[in-house]
Amino acid sequence: MKILILKPSSLGDVIHALPVLRLLKQHYPKSEIHWWLDVNLKPLLEGDPDLAGIFPFHRKRWIAPHHWAEIGSSIHAMRAERFDLAIDLQGLARSGLFAWLANADLLVGLDNLREGGREGARGFYDLTPPRSPDGTHAVDRYLSVLPLLKVPVHQNFEWLPKRPAIADQVQEKWNLGTGPWIALLPGARWDNKRWPAENFAALTRSMAENPEARFVILGSADERALGETIAAANLARCLNLSGQTTLWEMIEWIRLSRVMITNDTGPMHIAAALRKPVVALFGPTDPASTGPYGQLKNVIQMTDLPCVPCMKGHCTWREPLACLHQIKPSMVWQKVGEII
């Protein structure tokens, strides 16, 4: 059987979709599974043991008309594979169209408000599962396609298989030592999803009673200044690697960490996939559908505010960012203490 999965972005969403790949491959061990993926996320799945190939999606490049011939070539390459099954987990008009043009024998998609129903992609599909109830986590929404295909749904799989060479590389590059590491993720795509860096810094200062613990600060190059603010509060215990790791080096750093303290951001989902304890700080977004999978009890959110969750990319409340500012470092440290 030849299968095509369409889930091009974002990082967290692709992580959420990986259980579909793992369980399909377990049930059909001789299958050849390909993935339609944003070119910027290609390193995440390159060399994956369960994938036969990746069709890169050049979202920004293909906007320009003089690159449209590349779109035709990509569709031709997909059609040449003669897929038995295509599964669209993105559920937008673009992904639905690409899935339909791939010309698989069977096209399966979702019919939820977020996937399938928002841009009419549902019209491209041959088969959809029942709509998921409001608040269903993204992972469970995606997994809902598998019963349609008689594929058992369970948790007995390795979400992100370890890459020993990269794990060794991390050890060699940063001389990790033996003390427990706590990963800090102070960034986020939206500014109003960022707990103040000064609060992260206060957490590092509160570690005086645990002289062995150290902090690794992870994130993109654009978030390096946030990391510098945090590291300056405790230079002896903080390692600011914002913008200094590859995607897989970051994954292996998270794997070796004892716990992660994070905003609502892509690496939070990596930690959940690695089944690492996560203390997640939520403001405007809804953890029920996009929180750390299996760890919603570790989410801190000020739900007594009438605006939470607003689901907006900017704050309009009379007390700007009150949903995050009311989360005190002592509250976070108490939750960490319950874990470690």
C-alpha atoms as a PDB file:
ATOM      1  CA  MET A   1       0.000   0.000   0.000  1.00  0.00           C
ATOM      2  CA  LYS A   2       1.177   3.500  -0.858  1.00  0.00           C
ATOM      3  CA  ILE A   3      -0.033   6.324   1.379  1.00  0.00           C
ATOM      4  CA  LEU A   4       0.284  10.111   1.214  1.00  0.00           C
ATOM      5  CA  ILE A   5      -0.149  12.263   4.343  1.00  0.00           C
ATOM      6  CA  LEU A   6      -0.738  15.976   3.840  1.00  0.00           C
ATOM      7  CA  LYS A   7       0.158  18.115   6.857  1.00  0.00           C
ATOM      8  CA  PRO A   8       2.603  20.810   5.730  1.00  0.00           C
ATOM      9  CA  SER A   9       2.753  23.032   8.842  1.00  0.00           C
ATOM     10  CA  SER A  10       3.228  24.262  11.517  1.00  0.00           C
ATOM     11  CA  LEU A  11       5.848  22.576  13.736  1.00  0.00           C
ATOM     12  CA  GLY A  12       3.368  21.803  16.508  1.00  0.00           C
ATOM     13  CA  ASP A  13       0.722  20.608  14.055  1.00  0.00           C
ATOM     14  CA  VAL A  14       3.148  18.256  12.312  1.00  0.00           C
ATOM     15  CA  ILE A  15       4.196  16.860  15.697  1.00  0.00           C
ATOM     16  CA  HIS A  16       0.505  16.314  16.486  1.00  0.00           C
ATOM     17  CA  ALA A  17       0.052  14.390  13.235  1.00  0.00           C
ATOM     18  CA  LEU A  18       2.986  12.004  13.723  1.00  0.00           C
ATOM     19  CA  PRO A  19       0.932   9.402  15.654  1.00  0.00           C
ATOM     20  CA  VAL A  20      -1.093   8.858  12.471  1.00  0.00           C
ATOM     21  CA  LEU A  21       2.125   7.981  10.654  1.00  0.00           C
ATOM     22  CA  ARG A  22       3.370   5.710  13.451  1.00  0.00           C
ATOM     23  CA  LEU A  23       0.129   3.740  13.733  1.00  0.00           C
ATOM     24  CA  LEU A  24      -0.324   3.401   9.978  1.00  0.00           C
ATOM     25  CA  LYS A  25       3.186   1.994   9.671  1.00  0.00           C
ATOM     26  CA  GLN A  26       2.604  -0.406  12.580  1.00  0.00           C
ATOM     27  CA  HIS A  27      -0.606  -1.693  11.003  1.00  0.00           C
ATOM     28  CA  TYR A  28       0.775  -1.790   7.457  1.00  0.00           C
ATOM     29  CA  PRO A  29       4.487  -2.532   7.977  1.00  0.00           C
ATOM     30  CA  LYS A  30       5.103  -3.034   4.247  1.00  0.00           C
ATOM     31  CA  SER A  31       3.429   0.225   3.259  1.00  0.00           C
ATOM     32  CA  GLU A  32       5.261   3.108   1.605  1.00  0.00           C
ATOM     33  CA  ILE A  33       4.243   6.354   3.277  1.00  0.00           C
ATOM     34  CA  HIS A  34       5.062   9.809   1.912  1.00  0.00           C
ATOM     35  CA  TRP A  35       4.443  13.226   3.494  1.00  0.00           C
ATOM     36  CA  TRP A  36       3.583  16.581   1.915  1.00  0.00           C
ATOM     37  CA  LEU A  37       5.541  19.005   4.096  1.00  0.00           C
ATOM     38  CA  ASP A  38       6.564  22.647   4.207  1.00  0.00           C
ATOM     39  CA  VAL A  39      10.158  22.850   3.015  1.00  0.00           C
ATOM     40  CA  ASN A  40      11.176  24.676   6.225  1.00  0.00           C
ATOM     41  CA  LEU A  41      10.106  21.664   8.292  1.00  0.00           C
ATOM     42  CA  LYS A  42      11.733  19.082   6.046  1.00  0.00           C
ATOM     43  CA  PRO A  43      14.628  18.505   8.527  1.00  0.00           C
ATOM     44  CA  LEU A  44      12.096  17.269  11.091  1.00  0.00           C
ATOM     45  CA  LEU A  45      11.122  14.241   9.002  1.00  0.00           C
ATOM     46  CA  GLU A  46      14.185  13.663   6.825  1.00  0.00           C
ATOM     47  CA  GLY A  47      15.534  10.208   7.568  1.00  0.00           C
ATOM     48  CA  ASP A  48      12.417   9.201   9.519  1.00  0.00           C
ATOM     49  CA  PRO A  49      12.327   5.394   9.721  1.00  0.00           C
ATOM     50  CA  ASP A  50       8.618   5.225   8.843  1.00  0.00           C
ATOM     51  CA  LEU A  51       8.725   7.468   5.771  1.00  0.00           C
ATOM     52  CA  ALA A  52       9.537   6.494   2.192  1.00  0.00           C
ATOM     53  CA  GLY A  53       9.700  10.079   0.961  1.00  0.00           C
ATOM     54  CA  ILE A  54       8.808  13.748   1.379  1.00  0.00           C
ATOM     55  CA  PHE A  55       7.127  16.060  -1.122  1.00  0.00           C
ATOM     56  CA  PRO A  56       8.322  19.568  -0.175  1.00  0.00           C
ATOM     57  CA  PHE A  57       5.774  22.376  -0.213  1.00  0.00           C
ATOM     58  CA  HIS A  58       7.415  25.720  -1.083  1.00  0.00           C
ATOM     59  CA  ARG A  59       4.701  27.977   0.251  1.00  0.00           C
ATOM     60  CA  LYS A  60       6.434  31.345  -0.152  1.00  0.00           C
ATOM     61  CA  ARG A  61       8.289  30.441  -3.339  1.00  0.00           C
ATOM     62  CA  TRP A  62       5.194  29.207  -5.132  1.00  0.00           C
ATOM     63  CA  ILE A  63       3.328  32.476  -4.598  1.00  0.00           C
ATOM     64  CA  ALA A  64       5.354  33.972  -7.466  1.00  0.00           C
ATOM     65  CA  PRO A  65       3.856  33.168 -10.907  1.00  0.00           C
ATOM     66  CA  HIS A  66       7.268  32.379 -12.438  1.00  0.00           C
ATOM     67  CA  HIS A  67       7.534  29.412 -10.043  1.00  0.00           C
ATOM     68  CA  TRP A  68       4.121  27.956 -10.850  1.00  0.00           C
ATOM     69  CA  ALA A  69       5.676  25.370 -13.169  1.00  0.00           C
ATOM     70  CA  GLU A  70       7.242  23.843 -10.051  1.00  0.00           C
ATOM     71  CA  ILE A  71       3.762  23.275  -8.624  1.00  0.00           C
ATOM     72  CA  GLY A  72       2.820  21.302 -11.719  1.00  0.00           C
ATOM     73  CA  SER A  73       5.994  19.237 -11.453  1.00  0.00           C
ATOM     74  CA  SER A  74       5.292  18.452  -7.813  1.00  0.00           C
ATOM     75  CA  ILE A  75       1.722  17.376  -8.561  1.00  0.00           C
ATOM     76  CA  HIS A  76       2.970  15.235 -11.461  1.00  0.00           C
ATOM     77  CA  ALA A  77       5.477  13.553  -9.135  1.00  0.00           C
ATOM     78  CA  MET A  78       2.730  12.804  -6.600  1.00  0.00           C
ATOM     79  CA  ARG A  79       0.416  11.381  -9.249  1.00  0.00           C
ATOM     80  CA  ALA A  80       3.235   9.193 -10.563  1.00  0.00           C
ATOM     81  CA  GLU A  81       3.365   7.405  -7.201  1.00  0.00           C
ATOM     82  CA  ARG A  82      -0.187   6.097  -7.764  1.00  0.00           C
ATOM     83  CA  PHE A  83      -1.185   6.354  -4.117  1.00  0.00           C
ATOM     84  CA  ASP A  84      -3.769   3.976  -2.774  1.00  0.00           C
ATOM     85  CA  LEU A  85      -4.662   6.396   0.015  1.00  0.00           C
ATOM     86  CA  ALA A  86      -4.247  10.116   0.716  1.00  0.00           C
ATOM     87  CA  ILE A  87      -4.987  11.628   4.133  1.00  0.00           C
ATOM     88  CA  ASP A  88      -5.384  15.399   4.393  1.00  0.00           C
ATOM     89  CA  LEU A  89      -4.864  16.451   8.018  1.00  0.00           C
ATOM     90  CA  GLN A  90      -4.416  20.156   7.224  1.00  0.00           C
ATOM     91  CA  GLY A  91      -8.001  20.572   6.111  1.00  0.00           C
ATOM     92  CA  LEU A  92      -7.621  23.833   4.193  1.00  0.00           C
ATOM     93  CA  ALA A  93      -8.608  24.555   0.602  1.00  0.00           C
ATOM     94  CA  ARG A  94      -5.001  24.384  -0.587  1.00  0.00           C
ATOM     95  CA  SER A  95      -4.220  21.052   1.040  1.00  0.00           C
ATOM     96  CA  GLY A  96      -7.555  19.596  -0.031  1.00  0.00           C
ATOM     97  CA  LEU A  97      -6.874  20.601  -3.629  1.00  0.00           C
ATOM     98  CA  PHE A  98      -3.355  19.146  -3.592  1.00  0.00           C
ATOM     99  CA  ALA A  99      -4.698  15.943  -2.048  1.00  0.00           C
ATOM    100  CA  TRP A 100      -7.370  15.695  -4.753  1.00  0.00           C
ATOM    101  CA  LEU A 101      -4.847  16.391  -7.515  1.00  0.00           C
ATOM    102  CA  ALA A 102      -2.601  13.617  -6.160  1.00  0.00           C
ATOM    103  CA  ASN A 103      -5.332  11.307  -7.509  1.00  0.00           C
ATOM    104  CA  ALA A 104      -5.176   8.623  -4.828  1.00  0.00           C
ATOM    105  CA  ASP A 105      -7.708   5.815  -4.977  1.00  0.00           C
ATOM    106  CA  LEU A 106      -9.196   7.016  -1.668  1.00  0.00           C
ATOM    107  CA  LEU A 107      -9.010  10.514  -0.190  1.00  0.00           C
ATOM    108  CA  VAL A 108      -9.700  10.837   3.550  1.00  0.00           C
ATOM    109  CA  GLY A 109      -9.960  14.132   5.430  1.00  0.00           C
ATOM    110  CA  LEU A 110     -11.544  15.808   8.428  1.00  0.00           C
ATOM    111  CA  ASP A 111     -14.776  17.716   8.798  1.00  0.00           C
ATOM    112  CA  ASN A 112     -14.186  19.941  11.836  1.00  0.00           C
ATOM    113  CA  LEU A 113     -14.398  23.688  12.294  1.00  0.00           C
ATOM    114  CA  ARG A 114     -10.588  23.904  12.199  1.00  0.00           C
ATOM    115  CA  GLU A 115      -9.912  21.261   9.543  1.00  0.00           C
ATOM    116  CA  GLY A 116     -12.145  20.562   6.588  1.00  0.00           C
ATOM    117  CA  GLY A 117     -14.961  22.971   7.338  1.00  0.00           C
ATOM    118  CA  ARG A 118     -13.152  26.311   7.477  1.00  0.00           C
ATOM    119  CA  GLU A 119     -12.357  26.731   3.757  1.00  0.00           C
ATOM    120  CA  GLY A 120     -14.587  24.101   2.211  1.00  0.00           C
ATOM    121  CA  ALA A 121     -11.869  21.463   1.906  1.00  0.00           C
ATOM    122  CA  ARG A 122     -14.462  18.868   2.971  1.00  0.00           C
ATOM    123  CA  GLY A 123     -15.763  18.930  -0.605  1.00  0.00           C
ATOM    124  CA  PHE A 124     -12.622  17.212  -1.895  1.00  0.00           C
ATOM    125  CA  TYR A 125     -12.810  14.155   0.378  1.00  0.00           C
ATOM    126  CA  ASP A 126     -14.273  10.712  -0.233  1.00  0.00           C
ATOM    127  CA  LEU A 127     -14.495   9.868   3.451  1.00  0.00           C
ATOM    128  CA  THR A 128     -14.472  11.754   6.764  1.00  0.00           C
ATOM    129  CA  PRO A 129     -14.895  10.668  10.398  1.00  0.00           C
ATOM    130  CA  PRO A 130     -17.668  12.165  12.553  1.00  0.00           C
ATOM    131  CA  ARG A 131     -17.010  15.714  13.703  1.00  0.00           C
ATOM    132  CA  SER A 132     -14.941  15.918  16.865  1.00  0.00           C
ATOM    133  CA  PRO A 133     -16.585  17.638  19.849  1.00  0.00           C
ATOM    134  CA  ASP A 134     -15.461  21.164  20.696  1.00  0.00           C
ATOM    135  CA  GLY A 135     -12.281  21.099  22.780  1.00  0.00           C
ATOM    136  CA  THR A 136     -10.973  17.847  21.306  1.00  0.00           C
ATOM    137  CA  HIS A 137      -7.183  17.924  21.221  1.00  0.00           C
ATOM    138  CA  ALA A 138      -5.573  18.175  17.783  1.00  0.00           C
ATOM    139  CA  VAL A 139      -3.851  14.813  18.239  1.00  0.00           C
ATOM    140  CA  ASP A 140      -7.187  13.101  18.815  1.00  0.00           C
ATOM    141  CA  ARG A 141      -8.815  14.954  15.925  1.00  0.00           C
ATOM    142  CA  TYR A 142      -6.141  13.642  13.575  1.00  0.00           C
ATOM    143  CA  LEU A 143      -6.266  10.119  14.998  1.00  0.00           C
ATOM    144  CA  SER A 144      -9.994  10.001  14.292  1.00  0.00           C
ATOM    145  CA  VAL A 145      -9.276   9.120  10.642  1.00  0.00           C
ATOM    146  CA  LEU A 146      -7.706   5.788  11.585  1.00  0.00           C
ATOM    147  CA  PRO A 147     -10.850   3.876  12.680  1.00  0.00           C
ATOM    148  CA  LEU A 148     -12.251   4.599   9.208  1.00  0.00           C
ATOM    149  CA  LEU A 149      -9.296   2.617   7.850  1.00  0.00           C
ATOM    150  CA  LYS A 150      -9.606  -0.202  10.419  1.00  0.00           C
ATOM    151  CA  VAL A 151      -6.300   0.892  12.004  1.00  0.00           C
ATOM    152  CA  PRO A 152      -6.192   0.451  15.819  1.00  0.00           C
ATOM    153  CA  VAL A 153      -5.578   3.593  17.870  1.00  0.00           C
ATOM    154  CA  HIS A 154      -3.300   3.233  20.908  1.00  0.00           C
ATOM    155  CA  GLN A 155      -0.268   4.862  22.534  1.00  0.00           C
ATOM    156  CA  ASN A 156       2.239   2.049  22.039  1.00  0.00           C
ATOM    157  CA  PHE A 157       4.613   3.839  19.667  1.00  0.00           C
ATOM    158  CA  GLU A 158       7.685   6.074  19.786  1.00  0.00           C
ATOM    159  CA  TRP A 159       6.551   9.526  18.742  1.00  0.00           C
ATOM    160  CA  LEU A 160      10.021  10.942  17.938  1.00  0.00           C
ATOM    161  CA  PRO A 161      12.599   8.144  17.687  1.00  0.00           C
ATOM    162  CA  LYS A 162      15.969   9.049  19.142  1.00  0.00           C
ATOM    163  CA  ARG A 163      18.789   9.975  16.783  1.00  0.00           C
ATOM    164  CA  PRO A 164      21.882   8.645  18.590  1.00  0.00           C
ATOM    165  CA  ALA A 165      24.410  10.494  16.426  1.00  0.00           C
ATOM    166  CA  ILE A 166      22.766  13.837  17.174  1.00  0.00           C
ATOM    167  CA  ALA A 167      22.402  12.977  20.876  1.00  0.00           C
ATOM    168  CA  ASP A 168      26.155  12.256  20.993  1.00  0.00           C
ATOM    169  CA  GLN A 169      26.819  15.498  19.127  1.00  0.00           C
ATOM    170  CA  VAL A 170      24.873  17.471  21.725  1.00  0.00           C
ATOM    171  CA  GLN A 171      26.889  15.877  24.527  1.00  0.00           C
ATOM    172  CA  GLU A 172      30.173  16.699  22.807  1.00  0.00           C
ATOM    173  CA  LYS A 173      29.325  20.274  21.792  1.00  0.00           C
ATOM    174  CA  TRP A 174      28.082  21.432  25.174  1.00  0.00           C
ATOM    175  CA  ASN A 175      29.798  19.168  27.731  1.00  0.00           C
ATOM    176  CA  LEU A 176      26.577  18.639  29.634  1.00  0.00           C
ATOM    177  CA  GLY A 177      27.904  17.164  32.862  1.00  0.00           C
ATOM    178  CA  THR A 178      25.720  15.256  35.288  1.00  0.00           C
ATOM    179  CA  GLY A 179      23.416  17.866  36.835  1.00  0.00           C
ATOM    180  CA  PRO A 180      19.708  17.868  35.891  1.00  0.00           C
ATOM    181  CA  TRP A 181      18.779  20.326  33.159  1.00  0.00           C
ATOM    182  CA  ILE A 182      15.559  22.348  33.061  1.00  0.00           C
ATOM    183  CA  ALA A 183      14.591  23.583  29.590  1.00  0.00           C
ATOM    184  CA  LEU A 184      13.142  27.103  29.284  1.00  0.00           C
ATOM    185  CA  LEU A 185      11.176  28.229  26.210  1.00  0.00           C
ATOM    186  CA  PRO A 186      10.516  31.993  26.604  1.00  0.00           C
ATOM    187  CA  GLY A 187       9.476  32.654  23.004  1.00  0.00           C
ATOM    188  CA  ALA A 188       6.253  32.219  21.048  1.00  0.00           C
ATOM    189  CA  ARG A 189       4.895  33.249  17.663  1.00  0.00           C
ATOM    190  CA  TRP A 190       2.529  35.813  19.199  1.00  0.00           C
ATOM    191  CA  ASP A 191       3.926  38.403  21.606  1.00  0.00           C
ATOM    192  CA  ASN A 192       0.836  37.997  23.784  1.00  0.00           C
ATOM    193  CA  LYS A 193       1.657  34.317  24.319  1.00  0.00           C
ATOM    194  CA  ARG A 194       4.985  35.210  25.964  1.00  0.00           C
ATOM    195  CA  TRP A 195       5.265  35.104  29.740  1.00  0.00           C
ATOM    196  CA  PRO A 196       7.647  37.989  30.654  1.00  0.00           C
ATOM    197  CA  ALA A 197      11.317  37.091  30.331  1.00  0.00           C
ATOM    198  CA  GLU A 198      11.874  38.750  33.700  1.00  0.00           C
ATOM    199  CA  ASN A 199       9.643  36.098  35.260  1.00  0.00           C
ATOM    200  CA  PHE A 200      11.692  33.332  33.696  1.00  0.00           C
ATOM    201  CA  ALA A 201      14.760  35.087  35.123  1.00  0.00           C
ATOM    202  CA  ALA A 202      13.176  35.101  38.581  1.00  0.00           C
ATOM    203  CA  LEU A 203      12.737  31.335  38.280  1.00  0.00           C
ATOM    204  CA  THR A 204      16.453  30.835  37.703  1.00  0.00           C
ATOM    205  CA  ARG A 205      17.250  32.886  40.803  1.00  0.00           C
ATOM    206  CA  SER A 206      14.897  30.761  42.889  1.00  0.00           C
ATOM    207  CA  MET A 207      17.105  27.721  42.385  1.00  0.00           C
ATOM    208  CA  ALA A 208      19.514  28.556  45.203  1.00  0.00           C
ATOM    209  CA  GLU A 209      18.322  25.546  47.206  1.00  0.00           C
ATOM    210  CA  ASN A 210      19.191  23.155  44.347  1.00  0.00           C
ATOM    211  CA  PRO A 211      22.854  23.780  43.457  1.00  0.00           C
ATOM    212  CA  GLU A 212      23.045  21.014  40.830  1.00  0.00           C
ATOM    213  CA  ALA A 213      20.178  22.073  38.556  1.00  0.00           C
ATOM    214  CA  ARG A 214      20.953  24.080  35.423  1.00  0.00           C
ATOM    215  CA  PHE A 215      18.835  25.816  32.810  1.00  0.00           C
ATOM    216  CA  VAL A 216      19.086  25.559  29.027  1.00  0.00           C
ATOM    217  CA  ILE A 217      17.259  28.307  27.155  1.00  0.00           C
ATOM    218  CA  LEU A 218      15.981  27.222  23.748  1.00  0.00           C
ATOM    219  CA  GLY A 219      14.355  29.105  20.890  1.00  0.00           C
ATOM    220  CA  SER A 220      14.967  30.816  17.578  1.00  0.00           C
ATOM    221  CA  ALA A 221      17.606  33.402  16.739  1.00  0.00           C
ATOM    222  CA  ASP A 222      14.911  36.090  16.941  1.00  0.00           C
ATOM    223  CA  GLU A 223      14.367  35.113  20.581  1.00  0.00           C
ATOM    224  CA  ARG A 224      18.013  35.314  21.620  1.00  0.00           C
ATOM    225  CA  ALA A 225      17.503  38.635  23.429  1.00  0.00           C
ATOM    226  CA  LEU A 226      14.874  36.980  25.619  1.00  0.00           C
ATOM    227  CA  GLY A 227      17.406  34.296  26.467  1.00  0.00           C
ATOM    228  CA  GLU A 228      20.037  36.875  27.323  1.00  0.00           C
ATOM    229  CA  THR A 229      17.678  38.592  29.757  1.00  0.00           C
ATOM    230  CA  ILE A 230      17.066  35.279  31.516  1.00  0.00           C
ATOM    231  CA  ALA A 231      20.692  34.109  31.510  1.00  0.00           C
ATOM    232  CA  ALA A 232      21.902  37.418  32.958  1.00  0.00           C
ATOM    233  CA  ALA A 233      20.010  36.638  36.160  1.00  0.00           C
ATOM    234  CA  ASN A 234      22.041  33.495  36.821  1.00  0.00           C
ATOM    235  CA  LEU A 235      25.042  33.233  34.505  1.00  0.00           C
ATOM    236  CA  ALA A 236      26.533  30.283  36.365  1.00  0.00           C
ATOM    237  CA  ARG A 237      23.470  28.124  35.796  1.00  0.00           C
ATOM    238  CA  CYS A 238      22.024  29.288  32.466  1.00  0.00           C
ATOM    239  CA  LEU A 239      23.063  28.241  28.966  1.00  0.00           C
ATOM    240  CA  ASN A 240      21.420  30.413  26.322  1.00  0.00           C
ATOM    241  CA  LEU A 241      21.167  28.388  23.110  1.00  0.00           C
ATOM    242  CA  SER A 242      18.476  30.466  21.397  1.00  0.00           C
ATOM    243  CA  GLY A 243      19.280  30.341  17.693  1.00  0.00           C
ATOM    244  CA  GLN A 244      22.303  28.112  18.325  1.00  0.00           C
ATOM    245  CA  THR A 245      20.841  24.647  17.724  1.00  0.00           C
ATOM    246  CA  THR A 246      19.492  22.764  14.758  1.00  0.00           C
ATOM    247  CA  LEU A 247      15.942  21.492  15.057  1.00  0.00           C
ATOM    248  CA  TRP A 248      17.124  17.992  15.960  1.00  0.00           C
ATOM    249  CA  GLU A 249      19.710  19.279  18.424  1.00  0.00           C
ATOM    250  CA  MET A 250      16.870  21.116  20.157  1.00  0.00           C
ATOM    251  CA  ILE A 251      14.806  17.920  20.186  1.00  0.00           C
ATOM    252  CA  GLU A 252      17.640  15.962  21.785  1.00  0.00           C
ATOM    253  CA  TRP A 253      18.180  18.748  24.328  1.00  0.00           C
ATOM    254  CA  ILE A 254      14.528  18.486  25.303  1.00  0.00           C
ATOM    255  CA  ARG A 255      14.817  14.694  25.501  1.00  0.00           C
ATOM    256  CA  LEU A 256      17.655  14.871  28.031  1.00  0.00           C
ATOM    257  CA  SER A 257      16.036  17.627  30.127  1.00  0.00           C
ATOM    258  CA  ARG A 258      14.251  16.800  33.366  1.00  0.00           C
ATOM    259  CA  VAL A 259      11.355  19.191  32.770  1.00  0.00           C
ATOM    260  CA  MET A 260      10.384  21.996  30.396  1.00  0.00           C
ATOM    261  CA  ILE A 261       8.887  25.365  31.378  1.00  0.00           C
ATOM    262  CA  THR A 262       7.371  26.886  28.275  1.00  0.00           C
ATOM    263  CA  ASN A 263       4.948  29.235  26.639  1.00  0.00           C
ATOM    264  CA  ASP A 264       2.424  27.960  24.108  1.00  0.00           C
ATOM    265  CA  THR A 265       4.886  27.262  21.305  1.00  0.00           C
ATOM    266  CA  GLY A 266       5.995  24.487  18.952  1.00  0.00           C
ATOM    267  CA  PRO A 267       8.746  23.000  21.152  1.00  0.00           C
ATOM    268  CA  MET A 268       6.147  22.496  23.900  1.00  0.00           C
ATOM    269  CA  HIS A 269       4.579  19.866  21.662  1.00  0.00           C
ATOM    270  CA  ILE A 270       7.967  18.258  21.097  1.00  0.00           C
ATOM    271  CA  ALA A 271       8.360  17.839  24.856  1.00  0.00           C
ATOM    272  CA  ALA A 272       4.878  16.327  25.122  1.00  0.00           C
ATOM    273  CA  ALA A 273       5.687  13.962  22.255  1.00  0.00           C
ATOM    274  CA  LEU A 274       8.855  12.898  24.087  1.00  0.00           C
ATOM    275  CA  ARG A 275       6.662  12.367  27.177  1.00  0.00           C
ATOM    276  CA  LYS A 276       8.782  14.828  29.111  1.00  0.00           C
ATOM    277  CA  PRO A 277       7.109  16.725  31.967  1.00  0.00           C
ATOM    278  CA  VAL A 278       5.926  20.131  30.757  1.00  0.00           C
ATOM    279  CA  VAL A 279       4.834  23.165  32.757  1.00  0.00           C
ATOM    280  CA  ALA A 280       2.952  25.192  30.140  1.00  0.00           C
ATOM    281  CA  LEU A 281       2.049  28.859  30.589  1.00  0.00           C
ATOM    282  CA  PHE A 282      -1.088  29.780  28.639  1.00  0.00           C
ATOM    283  CA  GLY A 283      -2.667  33.154  28.042  1.00  0.00           C
ATOM    284  CA  PRO A 284      -4.937  33.814  25.037  1.00  0.00           C
ATOM    285  CA  THR A 285      -5.125  30.289  23.600  1.00  0.00           C
ATOM    286  CA  ASP A 286      -7.078  27.183  24.542  1.00  0.00           C
ATOM    287  CA  PRO A 287      -5.020  24.313  26.016  1.00  0.00           C
ATOM    288  CA  ALA A 288      -7.898  21.855  25.569  1.00  0.00           C
ATOM    289  CA  SER A 289      -7.243  21.702  21.835  1.00  0.00           C
ATOM    290  CA  THR A 290      -3.579  22.736  21.558  1.00  0.00           C
ATOM    291  CA  GLY A 291      -2.042  22.235  24.997  1.00  0.00           C
ATOM    292  CA  PRO A 292       0.667  19.690  25.849  1.00  0.00           C
ATOM    293  CA  TYR A 293      -0.917  16.371  24.927  1.00  0.00           C
ATOM    294  CA  GLY A 294      -1.558  14.158  27.927  1.00  0.00           C
ATOM    295  CA  GLN A 295      -0.372  16.835  30.357  1.00  0.00           C
ATOM    296  CA  LEU A 296      -3.179  19.362  30.589  1.00  0.00           C
ATOM    297  CA  LYS A 297      -2.945  19.093  34.379  1.00  0.00           C
ATOM    298  CA  ASN A 298       0.419  20.873  34.086  1.00  0.00           C
ATOM    299  CA  VAL A 299      -1.027  23.925  32.307  1.00  0.00           C
ATOM    300  CA  ILE A 300      -1.152  27.194  34.252  1.00  0.00           C
ATOM    301  CA  GLN A 301      -3.779  29.598  32.954  1.00  0.00           C
ATOM    302  CA  MET A 302      -5.686  32.421  34.654  1.00  0.00           C
ATOM    303  CA  THR A 303      -9.135  31.231  33.652  1.00  0.00           C
ATOM    304  CA  ASP A 304     -10.874  33.550  36.124  1.00  0.00           C
ATOM    305  CA  LEU A 305     -10.294  36.435  33.692  1.00  0.00           C
ATOM    306  CA  PRO A 306     -13.388  36.915  31.489  1.00  0.00           C
ATOM    307  CA  CYS A 307     -11.283  37.351  28.345  1.00  0.00           C
ATOM    308  CA  VAL A 308      -9.433  34.017  28.646  1.00  0.00           C
ATOM    309  CA  PRO A 309      -9.070  32.413  26.179  1.00  0.00           C
ATOM    310  CA  CYS A 310      -9.613  35.210  23.670  1.00  0.00           C
ATOM    311  CA  MET A 311      -7.828  33.420  20.789  1.00  0.00           C
ATOM    312  CA  LYS A 312      -6.552  36.788  19.528  1.00  0.00           C
ATOM    313  CA  GLY A 313      -3.078  37.627  18.285  1.00  0.00           C
ATOM    314  CA  HIS A 314      -3.043  40.890  20.247  1.00  0.00           C
ATOM    315  CA  CYS A 315      -4.355  41.892  23.647  1.00  0.00           C
ATOM    316  CA  THR A 316      -7.359  44.207  23.921  1.00  0.00           C
ATOM    317  CA  TRP A 317      -8.076  43.769  27.636  1.00  0.00           C
ATOM    318  CA  ARG A 318      -8.051  46.887  29.825  1.00  0.00           C
ATOM    319  CA  GLU A 319      -5.038  45.477  31.696  1.00  0.00           C
ATOM    320  CA  PRO A 320      -2.683  44.542  28.853  1.00  0.00           C
ATOM    321  CA  LEU A 321      -1.472  40.925  29.034  1.00  0.00           C
ATOM    322  CA  ALA A 322      -3.095  40.423  32.442  1.00  0.00           C
ATOM    323  CA  CYS A 323      -3.597  36.744  31.605  1.00  0.00           C
ATOM    324  CA  LEU A 324       0.184  36.254  31.605  1.00  0.00           C
ATOM    325  CA  HIS A 325       1.277  38.873  34.110  1.00  0.00           C
ATOM    326  CA  GLN A 326      -0.944  37.324  36.783  1.00  0.00           C
ATOM    327  CA  ILE A 327       1.000  34.065  36.548  1.00  0.00           C
ATOM    328  CA  LYS A 328       3.626  34.510  39.256  1.00  0.00           C
ATOM    329  CA  PRO A 329       7.030  32.774  39.294  1.00  0.00           C
ATOM    330  CA  SER A 330       6.122  31.231  42.640  1.00  0.00           C
ATOM    331  CA  MET A 331       3.112  29.539  41.026  1.00  0.00           C
ATOM    332  CA  VAL A 332       5.300  28.103  38.292  1.00  0.00           C
ATOM    333  CA  TRP A 333       7.965  26.964  40.710  1.00  0.00           C
ATOM    334  CA  GLN A 334       5.358  25.228  42.848  1.00  0.00           C
ATOM    335  CA  LYS A 335       4.166  23.272  39.788  1.00  0.00           C
ATOM    336  CA  VAL A 336       7.749  22.365  38.880  1.00  0.00           C
ATOM    337  CA  GLY A 337       8.306  21.195  42.444  1.00  0.00           C
ATOM    338  CA  GLU A 338       5.310  18.870  42.179  1.00  0.00           C
ATOM    339  CA  ILE A 339       6.955  17.266  39.169  1.00  0.00           C
ATOM    340  CA  ILE A 340      10.580  16.993  40.267  1.00  0.00           C
END
